[in-house]
């Protein structure tokens, strides 16, 4: 490969990473995490005193009520997968 193609590849990679960081930063600022659970954090125990009854229903309800959080995590995983696939396709320096 010529030096021009590797230079353009680095530039394109840098642009994609900066755009992804800007999008994730914007989503973090615009979509607020639910604060309704914050006041009870000081009184909560790390090991609960009562059994985990209906924990699947509570987790499901939390994810459906805070759908943006789930979508941000999924988008981040997809971006990381794309970056890893591009890293696998990168030509080696010795060849």
N, C-alpha and C. Protein backbone atom coordinates (compact mmCIF):
# COMPACT_ATOMS: atom_id res chain seq x y z
N UNK A 1 0.84 -1.19 0.00
CA UNK A 1 0.00 0.00 0.00
C UNK A 1 0.88 1.25 0.00
N UNK A 2 0.39 2.27 -0.60
CA UNK A 2 1.16 3.50 -0.65
C UNK A 2 0.97 4.29 0.64
N UNK A 3 1.84 5.27 0.82
CA UNK A 3 1.77 6.09 2.02
C UNK A 3 0.50 6.94 2.05
N UNK A 4 0.01 7.33 0.87
CA UNK A 4 -1.19 8.16 0.81
C UNK A 4 -2.41 7.42 1.35
N UNK A 5 -2.54 6.14 0.99
CA UNK A 5 -3.72 5.41 1.46
C UNK A 5 -3.67 5.18 2.97
N UNK A 6 -2.48 4.93 3.51
CA UNK A 6 -2.40 4.75 4.97
C UNK A 6 -2.62 6.08 5.68
N UNK A 7 -2.19 7.18 5.08
CA UNK A 7 -2.42 8.49 5.69
C UNK A 7 -3.91 8.83 5.68
N UNK A 8 -4.58 8.55 4.55
CA UNK A 8 -6.02 8.80 4.50
C UNK A 8 -6.77 7.88 5.44
N UNK A 9 -6.29 6.65 5.61
CA UNK A 9 -6.93 5.73 6.54
C UNK A 9 -6.83 6.23 7.97
N UNK A 10 -5.68 6.76 8.35
CA UNK A 10 -5.52 7.31 9.70
C UNK A 10 -6.40 8.54 9.89
N UNK A 11 -6.49 9.36 8.87
CA UNK A 11 -7.34 10.55 8.95
C UNK A 11 -8.81 10.15 9.08
N UNK A 12 -9.24 9.18 8.28
CA UNK A 12 -10.63 8.72 8.35
C UNK A 12 -10.93 8.09 9.71
N UNK A 13 -9.99 7.32 10.23
CA UNK A 13 -10.18 6.72 11.55
C UNK A 13 -10.30 7.78 12.62
N UNK A 14 -9.44 8.78 12.55
CA UNK A 14 -9.50 9.86 13.53
C UNK A 14 -10.82 10.61 13.45
N UNK A 15 -11.30 10.87 12.25
CA UNK A 15 -12.57 11.58 12.08
C UNK A 15 -13.73 10.75 12.63
N UNK A 16 -13.74 9.46 12.36
CA UNK A 16 -14.82 8.59 12.85
C UNK A 16 -14.81 8.54 14.37
N UNK A 17 -13.63 8.44 14.98
CA UNK A 17 -13.55 8.40 16.44
C UNK A 17 -14.01 9.71 17.05
N UNK A 18 -13.61 10.83 16.47
CA UNK A 18 -14.03 12.13 17.01
C UNK A 18 -15.54 12.31 16.87
N UNK A 19 -16.11 11.91 15.74
CA UNK A 19 -17.55 12.03 15.55
C UNK A 19 -18.29 11.14 16.55
N UNK A 20 -17.80 9.92 16.76
CA UNK A 20 -18.44 9.02 17.73
C UNK A 20 -18.37 9.59 19.14
N UNK A 21 -17.22 10.15 19.51
CA UNK A 21 -17.11 10.76 20.83
C UNK A 21 -18.02 11.97 20.98
N UNK A 22 -18.17 12.75 19.93
CA UNK A 22 -19.08 13.90 19.99
C UNK A 22 -20.53 13.44 20.14
N UNK A 23 -20.91 12.40 19.42
CA UNK A 23 -22.28 11.89 19.52
C UNK A 23 -22.54 11.34 20.92
N UNK A 24 -21.61 10.54 21.45
CA UNK A 24 -21.81 10.00 22.79
C UNK A 24 -21.80 11.10 23.85
N UNK A 25 -20.97 12.13 23.67
CA UNK A 25 -20.96 13.24 24.61
C UNK A 25 -22.29 13.99 24.57
N UNK A 26 -22.80 14.21 23.37
CA UNK A 26 -24.08 14.91 23.24
C UNK A 26 -25.20 14.10 23.89
N UNK A 27 -25.21 12.77 23.66
CA UNK A 27 -26.24 11.94 24.27
C UNK A 27 -26.12 11.93 25.79
N UNK A 28 -24.91 11.94 26.30
CA UNK A 28 -24.72 11.96 27.75
C UNK A 28 -25.23 13.26 28.35
N UNK A 29 -25.04 14.36 27.67
CA UNK A 29 -25.49 15.66 28.19
C UNK A 29 -27.01 15.80 28.05
N UNK A 30 -27.56 15.36 26.94
CA UNK A 30 -28.97 15.56 26.67
C UNK A 30 -29.88 14.60 27.42
N UNK A 31 -29.48 13.36 27.59
CA UNK A 31 -30.31 12.35 28.22
C UNK A 31 -29.84 12.20 29.66
N UNK A 32 -30.69 12.64 30.58
CA UNK A 32 -30.29 12.58 31.97
C UNK A 32 -30.59 11.22 32.57
N UNK A 33 -29.68 10.75 33.38
CA UNK A 33 -29.89 9.49 34.08
C UNK A 33 -30.92 9.73 35.16
N UNK A 34 -31.76 8.74 35.45
CA UNK A 34 -32.81 8.98 36.45
C UNK A 34 -32.23 9.30 37.83
N UNK A 35 -32.67 10.41 38.38
CA UNK A 35 -32.18 10.86 39.67
C UNK A 35 -33.08 10.37 40.79
N UNK A 36 -34.19 9.76 40.45
CA UNK A 36 -35.12 9.36 41.49
C UNK A 36 -34.55 8.29 42.42
N UNK A 37 -33.49 7.58 41.99
CA UNK A 37 -32.88 6.57 42.84
C UNK A 37 -31.76 7.14 43.70
N UNK A 38 -31.29 8.34 43.39
CA UNK A 38 -30.14 8.91 44.09
C UNK A 38 -30.38 9.21 45.57
N UNK A 39 -31.55 9.72 46.00
CA UNK A 39 -31.68 10.04 47.42
C UNK A 39 -31.54 8.83 48.34
N UNK A 40 -31.89 7.64 47.89
CA UNK A 40 -31.81 6.47 48.75
C UNK A 40 -30.47 5.77 48.74
N UNK A 41 -29.50 6.30 48.01
CA UNK A 41 -28.23 5.61 47.90
C UNK A 41 -27.48 5.56 49.23
N UNK A 42 -27.63 6.55 50.06
CA UNK A 42 -26.94 6.56 51.34
C UNK A 42 -27.48 5.52 52.31
N UNK A 43 -28.75 5.17 52.20
CA UNK A 43 -29.37 4.24 53.13
C UNK A 43 -29.35 2.81 52.61
N UNK A 44 -29.00 2.59 51.36
CA UNK A 44 -29.01 1.24 50.81
C UNK A 44 -27.85 0.42 51.32
N UNK A 45 -28.07 -0.85 51.45
CA UNK A 45 -27.02 -1.77 51.85
C UNK A 45 -26.49 -2.47 50.60
N UNK A 46 -25.20 -2.78 50.60
CA UNK A 46 -24.65 -3.50 49.47
C UNK A 46 -25.17 -4.93 49.44
N UNK A 47 -25.40 -5.50 50.60
CA UNK A 47 -26.00 -6.83 50.69
C UNK A 47 -27.42 -6.64 51.18
N UNK A 48 -28.40 -6.94 50.34
CA UNK A 48 -29.79 -6.67 50.75
C UNK A 48 -30.22 -7.57 51.91
N UNK A 49 -31.08 -7.02 52.75
CA UNK A 49 -31.58 -7.77 53.90
C UNK A 49 -32.75 -8.68 53.52
N UNK A 50 -33.48 -8.32 52.47
CA UNK A 50 -34.61 -9.13 52.04
C UNK A 50 -34.24 -9.91 50.79
N UNK A 51 -34.92 -11.00 50.49
CA UNK A 51 -34.58 -11.78 49.29
C UNK A 51 -34.94 -11.02 48.01
N UNK A 52 -34.35 -11.48 46.93
CA UNK A 52 -34.57 -10.84 45.63
C UNK A 52 -35.88 -11.35 45.02
N UNK A 53 -36.98 -10.91 45.50
CA UNK A 53 -38.27 -11.28 44.91
C UNK A 53 -38.54 -10.37 43.72
N UNK A 54 -38.90 -10.98 42.62
CA UNK A 54 -39.30 -10.26 41.41
C UNK A 54 -38.20 -9.33 40.89
N UNK A 55 -36.94 -9.77 40.96
CA UNK A 55 -35.85 -8.92 40.48
C UNK A 55 -35.88 -8.80 38.96
N UNK A 56 -36.29 -9.84 38.25
CA UNK A 56 -36.35 -9.78 36.79
C UNK A 56 -37.38 -8.74 36.34
N UNK A 57 -38.50 -8.68 37.01
CA UNK A 57 -39.52 -7.69 36.67
C UNK A 57 -39.05 -6.27 36.94
N UNK A 58 -38.31 -6.08 38.03
CA UNK A 58 -37.81 -4.75 38.36
C UNK A 58 -36.74 -4.29 37.37
N UNK A 59 -35.86 -5.20 36.99
CA UNK A 59 -34.83 -4.85 36.01
C UNK A 59 -35.47 -4.54 34.66
N UNK A 60 -36.44 -5.34 34.27
CA UNK A 60 -37.14 -5.11 33.01
C UNK A 60 -37.85 -3.76 33.02
N UNK A 61 -38.51 -3.45 34.12
CA UNK A 61 -39.22 -2.16 34.22
C UNK A 61 -38.23 -1.00 34.16
N UNK A 62 -37.08 -1.14 34.85
CA UNK A 62 -36.06 -0.09 34.82
C UNK A 62 -35.57 0.16 33.41
N UNK A 63 -35.29 -0.92 32.65
CA UNK A 63 -34.79 -0.74 31.29
C UNK A 63 -35.85 -0.15 30.36
N UNK A 64 -37.12 -0.52 30.53
CA UNK A 64 -38.16 0.04 29.68
C UNK A 64 -38.44 1.50 30.03
N UNK A 65 -38.31 1.86 31.31
CA UNK A 65 -38.54 3.26 31.69
C UNK A 65 -37.37 4.14 31.27
N UNK A 66 -36.18 3.59 31.18
CA UNK A 66 -34.98 4.34 30.83
C UNK A 66 -34.40 3.77 29.54
N UNK A 67 -35.17 3.82 28.49
CA UNK A 67 -34.80 3.20 27.22
C UNK A 67 -33.57 3.86 26.61
N UNK A 68 -33.38 5.14 26.84
CA UNK A 68 -32.23 5.83 26.25
C UNK A 68 -30.92 5.27 26.78
N UNK A 69 -30.89 4.89 28.03
CA UNK A 69 -29.67 4.32 28.62
C UNK A 69 -29.30 3.01 27.92
N UNK A 70 -30.29 2.19 27.68
CA UNK A 70 -30.07 0.92 27.00
C UNK A 70 -29.58 1.14 25.56
N UNK A 71 -30.16 2.11 24.88
CA UNK A 71 -29.77 2.38 23.50
C UNK A 71 -28.37 2.95 23.40
N UNK A 72 -27.97 3.77 24.37
CA UNK A 72 -26.62 4.32 24.37
C UNK A 72 -25.61 3.19 24.56
N UNK A 73 -25.90 2.26 25.46
CA UNK A 73 -24.99 1.14 25.69
C UNK A 73 -24.89 0.27 24.44
N UNK A 74 -26.01 0.01 23.78
CA UNK A 74 -25.99 -0.79 22.56
C UNK A 74 -25.22 -0.10 21.44
N UNK A 75 -25.39 1.21 21.30
CA UNK A 75 -24.66 1.96 20.27
C UNK A 75 -23.17 1.93 20.55
N UNK A 76 -22.78 2.03 21.81
CA UNK A 76 -21.37 1.98 22.17
C UNK A 76 -20.78 0.61 21.83
N UNK A 77 -21.51 -0.45 22.10
CA UNK A 77 -21.02 -1.81 21.79
C UNK A 77 -20.86 -1.98 20.29
N UNK A 78 -21.79 -1.46 19.51
CA UNK A 78 -21.69 -1.56 18.05
C UNK A 78 -20.49 -0.78 17.53
N UNK A 79 -20.25 0.42 18.05
CA UNK A 79 -19.10 1.22 17.61
C UNK A 79 -17.80 0.51 17.97
N UNK A 80 -17.72 -0.07 19.16
CA UNK A 80 -16.51 -0.79 19.55
C UNK A 80 -16.30 -2.00 18.64
N UNK A 81 -17.38 -2.70 18.29
CA UNK A 81 -17.26 -3.86 17.39
C UNK A 81 -16.76 -3.42 16.01
N UNK A 82 -17.24 -2.31 15.50
CA UNK A 82 -16.79 -1.81 14.20
C UNK A 82 -15.31 -1.44 14.25
N UNK A 83 -14.90 -0.76 15.32
CA UNK A 83 -13.50 -0.38 15.45
C UNK A 83 -12.61 -1.62 15.53
N UNK A 84 -13.05 -2.64 16.25
CA UNK A 84 -12.27 -3.87 16.35
C UNK A 84 -12.18 -4.59 15.00
N UNK A 85 -13.26 -4.60 14.24
CA UNK A 85 -13.24 -5.22 12.91
C UNK A 85 -12.30 -4.46 11.98
N UNK A 86 -12.31 -3.14 12.06
CA UNK A 86 -11.40 -2.36 11.23
C UNK A 86 -9.95 -2.59 11.65
N UNK A 87 -9.72 -2.80 12.93
CA UNK A 87 -8.36 -3.08 13.38
C UNK A 87 -7.88 -4.43 12.87
N UNK A 88 -8.79 -5.39 12.75
CA UNK A 88 -8.42 -6.70 12.20
C UNK A 88 -8.07 -6.61 10.71
N UNK A 89 -8.71 -5.71 10.00
CA UNK A 89 -8.47 -5.56 8.56
C UNK A 89 -7.29 -4.66 8.23
N UNK A 90 -6.67 -4.10 9.24
CA UNK A 90 -5.53 -3.19 9.03
C UNK A 90 -4.36 -3.97 8.44
N UNK A 91 -3.75 -3.44 7.40
CA UNK A 91 -2.60 -4.15 6.79
C UNK A 91 -1.40 -4.12 7.75
N UNK A 92 -0.64 -5.20 7.71
CA UNK A 92 0.53 -5.29 8.58
C UNK A 92 1.66 -4.45 8.03
N UNK A 93 2.54 -3.98 8.88
CA UNK A 93 3.61 -3.07 8.47
C UNK A 93 4.72 -3.77 7.69
N UNK A 94 4.98 -5.06 7.99
CA UNK A 94 6.09 -5.76 7.35
C UNK A 94 5.79 -6.29 5.98
N UNK A 95 4.55 -6.28 5.54
CA UNK A 95 4.20 -6.87 4.25
C UNK A 95 4.05 -5.82 3.18
